[in-house]
Amino acid sequence: MAANFPTQARVVIIGGGIMGCSTAYHLAKNGWKDIVLLEQGRLTGGTTWHAAGLVGQLRGYQNLTRLIQYSTRLYAGLEAETGLATGWKQCGSISVARTPERMTYLRRSAATANAQGVAGDGKANPADITQALAKGARNNGVRIFEKTRVTAIDVKDGRVTGVRTTEGPIAAEVVVNCAGQWARQVGRMVGVTVPLYSCEHMYIVTEKMEACRAICR
């Protein structure tokens, strides 16, 4: 066991991707103390760095839209707070319809966006955001340990009491599963089914295209 490795914490967060680091950052910002984040590899080493980083604000529910609007404000301000760039760029977005039905849907979405004051879609670098969130979390007292895998979660009388790791056990009041594509396996440690499966998707990165620039004008 490393000399500074904790044996107890109020909160243990499993997973050092953007969800885990965001959870740590926001808990610390809201006054929580004694938070430990564990990552089996390196921060952003799982699914986070694969993400395209597109930030579209409109969602099917108003609360989700407001959450994304908050995220864009967060991304824009993290660099000033932590000194680390997030790659945030408010460049807008384009949606394309190939059928009349799809065009009807897009018109309806545009009306909803106008009603909710949604504007300013953009893109960011998920790995950079994660590092900025991690630094912000550390600045507020969160302890982050990489190369530390959780091997079991301890439970007593239906409540989590801690985790066992490759570096030793940690007693904890709260354990948060932010393990990304491994979240299902982590859930199984306590008999919980997490309805999450990995799936393959594709995206293309291109140089600037004159046709798109003309449309944007």
Protein backbone atom coordinates (compact mmCIF):
# COMPACT_ATOMS: atom_id res chain seq x y z
CA MET A 1 0.00 0.00 0.00
CA ALA A 2 1.24 3.48 -0.89
CA ALA A 3 2.26 5.58 2.10
CA ASN A 4 -0.43 8.21 1.45
CA PHE A 5 -3.18 5.80 0.45
CA PRO A 6 -6.30 6.37 2.61
CA THR A 7 -7.96 3.73 4.74
CA GLN A 8 -11.23 5.65 5.06
CA ALA A 9 -13.17 8.41 3.30
CA ARG A 10 -16.62 9.91 3.36
CA VAL A 11 -17.06 9.32 -0.38
CA VAL A 12 -15.30 6.96 -2.77
CA ILE A 13 -15.87 7.59 -6.47
CA ILE A 14 -15.07 4.72 -8.82
CA GLY A 15 -13.92 5.91 -12.24
CA GLY A 16 -11.69 8.74 -13.44
CA GLY A 17 -13.49 9.70 -16.62
CA ILE A 18 -15.48 12.86 -17.15
CA MET A 19 -18.41 11.62 -15.01
CA GLY A 20 -16.23 10.64 -12.06
CA CYS A 21 -14.16 13.83 -12.14
CA SER A 22 -17.29 15.94 -12.56
CA THR A 23 -18.90 14.22 -9.57
CA ALA A 24 -15.81 14.82 -7.46
CA TYR A 25 -15.56 18.45 -8.59
CA HIS A 26 -19.19 19.28 -7.86
CA LEU A 27 -19.33 17.48 -4.51
CA ALA A 28 -16.23 19.38 -3.38
CA LYS A 29 -17.60 22.66 -4.71
CA ASN A 30 -20.75 22.07 -2.67
CA GLY A 31 -18.79 21.66 0.54
CA TRP A 32 -18.31 17.89 0.78
CA LYS A 33 -15.03 16.85 2.41
CA ASP A 34 -12.94 13.68 2.51
CA ILE A 35 -13.56 12.58 -1.09
CA VAL A 36 -11.44 9.94 -2.82
CA LEU A 37 -11.55 9.15 -6.54
CA LEU A 38 -10.12 5.86 -7.84
CA GLU A 39 -9.15 5.17 -11.45
CA GLN A 40 -7.98 1.75 -12.61
CA GLY A 41 -5.78 3.24 -15.34
CA ARG A 42 -5.16 6.89 -16.08
CA LEU A 43 -7.68 9.73 -15.98
CA THR A 44 -9.75 9.79 -19.22
CA GLY A 45 -8.20 6.46 -20.25
CA GLY A 46 -11.56 4.71 -20.72
CA THR A 47 -14.41 5.86 -22.93
CA THR A 48 -14.05 9.59 -22.22
CA TRP A 49 -11.24 10.28 -24.67
CA HIS A 50 -13.17 8.53 -27.47
CA ALA A 51 -16.06 11.00 -27.30
CA ALA A 52 -16.52 13.44 -30.17
CA GLY A 53 -17.04 16.34 -27.78
CA LEU A 54 -20.12 17.75 -29.50
CA VAL A 55 -22.22 19.88 -27.15
CA GLY A 56 -25.80 20.24 -28.32
CA GLN A 57 -27.98 21.98 -25.77
CA LEU A 58 -31.54 21.02 -26.75
CA ARG A 59 -32.87 17.84 -25.14
CA GLY A 60 -36.25 16.16 -24.95
CA TYR A 61 -36.86 17.40 -21.41
CA GLN A 62 -36.51 20.95 -20.14
CA ASN A 63 -34.45 19.95 -17.10
CA LEU A 64 -31.94 18.12 -19.31
CA THR A 65 -31.68 21.17 -21.55
CA ARG A 66 -31.00 23.36 -18.53
CA LEU A 67 -28.33 20.90 -17.39
CA ILE A 68 -26.54 21.14 -20.74
CA GLN A 69 -26.82 24.92 -20.64
CA TYR A 70 -25.10 24.83 -17.27
CA SER A 71 -22.41 22.57 -18.74
CA THR A 72 -21.57 25.07 -21.46
CA ARG A 73 -21.15 27.81 -18.86
CA LEU A 74 -18.96 25.49 -16.82
CA TYR A 75 -16.74 24.60 -19.78
CA ALA A 76 -16.33 28.25 -20.65
CA GLY A 77 -15.24 29.14 -17.10
CA LEU A 78 -13.08 26.16 -16.11
CA GLU A 79 -9.95 27.46 -17.83
CA ALA A 80 -10.03 30.69 -15.83
CA GLU A 81 -10.57 28.72 -12.63
CA THR A 82 -7.99 25.97 -13.12
CA GLY A 83 -5.57 27.26 -15.74
CA LEU A 84 -6.29 24.24 -17.95
CA ALA A 85 -7.96 24.63 -21.34
CA THR A 86 -11.13 22.65 -22.09
CA GLY A 87 -11.18 23.09 -25.86
CA TRP A 88 -14.61 24.73 -25.58
CA LYS A 89 -15.61 26.54 -28.75
CA GLN A 90 -19.06 27.99 -29.36
CA CYS A 91 -19.21 27.17 -33.05
CA GLY A 92 -22.88 26.23 -33.39
CA SER A 93 -24.20 23.06 -34.97
CA ILE A 94 -26.02 21.91 -38.10
CA SER A 95 -28.83 19.34 -38.28
CA VAL A 96 -29.69 17.79 -41.63
CA ALA A 97 -33.06 16.39 -42.74
CA ARG A 98 -33.35 13.78 -45.49
CA THR A 99 -37.12 13.32 -45.31
CA PRO A 100 -40.13 15.64 -44.91
CA GLU A 101 -40.92 13.95 -41.59
CA ARG A 102 -37.44 14.68 -40.31
CA MET A 103 -37.77 18.30 -41.43
CA THR A 104 -41.02 18.58 -39.47
CA TYR A 105 -39.22 17.27 -36.41
CA LEU A 106 -36.37 19.75 -36.84
CA ARG A 107 -38.79 22.66 -37.20
CA ARG A 108 -40.51 21.57 -34.01
CA SER A 109 -37.11 21.32 -32.29
CA ALA A 110 -36.19 24.80 -33.48
CA ALA A 111 -39.41 26.20 -32.04
CA THR A 112 -38.72 24.46 -28.73
CA ALA A 113 -35.18 25.82 -28.71
CA ASN A 114 -36.42 29.35 -29.28
CA ALA A 115 -38.97 28.99 -26.49
CA GLN A 116 -36.26 27.85 -24.04
CA GLY A 117 -33.70 30.40 -25.15
CA VAL A 118 -31.30 27.77 -26.41
CA ALA A 119 -28.39 29.02 -28.48
CA GLY A 120 -24.68 28.53 -28.75
CA ASP A 121 -24.07 24.84 -29.41
CA GLY A 122 -20.40 24.02 -29.64
CA LYS A 123 -17.67 21.49 -29.12
CA ALA A 124 -15.09 20.73 -26.48
CA ASN A 125 -12.29 18.26 -25.77
CA PRO A 126 -13.61 15.68 -23.27
CA ALA A 127 -10.12 14.67 -22.11
CA ASP A 128 -9.16 18.30 -21.47
CA ILE A 129 -12.42 18.98 -19.61
CA THR A 130 -11.78 15.95 -17.43
CA GLN A 131 -8.27 17.10 -16.54
CA ALA A 132 -9.60 20.57 -15.71
CA LEU A 133 -12.36 19.09 -13.52
CA ALA A 134 -9.79 16.87 -11.82
CA LYS A 135 -7.57 19.85 -11.06
CA GLY A 136 -10.54 21.83 -9.75
CA ALA A 137 -11.46 18.85 -7.57
CA ARG A 138 -7.91 18.55 -6.22
CA ASN A 139 -7.86 22.27 -5.51
CA ASN A 140 -10.87 21.67 -3.28
CA GLY A 141 -9.34 18.78 -1.37
CA VAL A 142 -10.28 15.70 -3.42
CA ARG A 143 -7.66 12.95 -3.42
CA ILE A 144 -7.27 11.15 -6.76
CA PHE A 145 -5.48 7.84 -7.17
CA GLU A 146 -4.69 6.40 -10.58
CA LYS A 147 -3.60 2.82 -11.32
CA THR A 148 -5.91 1.68 -8.53
CA ARG A 149 -8.59 -0.86 -9.37
CA VAL A 150 -11.61 -1.60 -7.19
CA THR A 151 -11.88 -5.37 -6.70
CA ALA A 152 -14.91 -5.52 -4.39
CA ILE A 153 -17.49 -3.38 -2.61
CA ASP A 154 -18.27 -4.19 1.01
CA VAL A 155 -21.89 -4.17 2.20
CA LYS A 156 -23.40 -4.61 5.66
CA ASP A 157 -27.12 -4.69 6.45
CA GLY A 158 -27.94 -3.49 2.94
CA ARG A 159 -25.60 -0.49 3.06
CA VAL A 160 -22.23 0.07 1.44
CA THR A 161 -19.42 0.25 3.97
CA GLY A 162 -16.39 0.60 1.73
CA VAL A 163 -14.36 -0.79 -1.13
CA ARG A 164 -11.45 -3.13 -1.57
CA THR A 165 -8.78 -2.11 -4.04
CA THR A 166 -5.46 -3.25 -5.42
CA GLU A 167 -3.84 -0.81 -2.98
CA GLY A 168 -5.85 -1.86 0.06
CA PRO A 169 -9.32 -1.38 1.59
CA ILE A 170 -11.07 1.96 2.13
CA ALA A 171 -13.98 2.32 4.55
CA ALA A 172 -16.58 4.75 3.14
CA GLU A 173 -20.03 6.12 3.84
CA VAL A 174 -20.86 6.60 0.15
CA VAL A 175 -19.60 4.82 -2.97
CA VAL A 176 -20.39 6.31 -6.38
CA ASN A 177 -20.26 4.15 -9.50
CA CYS A 178 -18.86 6.30 -12.34
CA ALA A 179 -17.07 3.44 -14.07
CA GLY A 180 -18.36 4.13 -17.60
CA GLN A 181 -18.35 1.00 -19.72
CA TRP A 182 -17.33 -0.96 -16.63
CA ALA A 183 -20.27 0.36 -14.57
CA ARG A 184 -22.23 -2.85 -15.19
CA GLN A 185 -19.43 -4.98 -13.72
CA VAL A 186 -19.07 -2.65 -10.74
CA GLY A 187 -22.81 -2.86 -10.11
CA ARG A 188 -22.62 -6.64 -10.07
CA MET A 189 -20.25 -6.43 -7.09
CA VAL A 190 -23.27 -5.53 -4.95
CA GLY A 191 -25.92 -7.41 -6.93
CA VAL A 192 -27.19 -4.34 -8.78
CA THR A 193 -28.00 -4.49 -12.49
CA VAL A 194 -26.83 -1.37 -14.30
CA PRO A 195 -28.64 -1.17 -17.69
CA LEU A 196 -25.56 -0.02 -19.57
CA TYR A 197 -23.87 -1.71 -22.52
CA SER A 198 -20.96 -0.65 -24.66
CA CYS A 199 -21.77 0.02 -28.30
CA GLU A 200 -19.68 1.05 -31.26
CA HIS A 201 -20.28 4.36 -33.00
CA MET A 202 -18.44 6.41 -35.57
CA TYR A 203 -17.69 10.05 -36.21
CA ILE A 204 -15.63 11.87 -38.82
CA VAL A 205 -13.36 14.86 -38.32
CA THR A 206 -12.78 16.99 -41.43
CA GLU A 207 -10.96 20.12 -42.45
CA LYS A 208 -13.01 23.26 -42.99
CA MET A 209 -15.37 22.94 -45.96
CA GLU A 210 -16.39 25.94 -48.05
CA ALA A 211 -19.89 24.55 -48.59
CA CYS A 212 -20.51 24.43 -44.83
CA ARG A 213 -19.10 27.92 -44.37
CA ALA A 214 -21.53 29.21 -46.98
CA ILE A 215 -24.46 27.54 -45.20
CA CYS A 216 -23.39 29.02 -41.86
CA ARG A 217 -23.37 32.52 -43.36
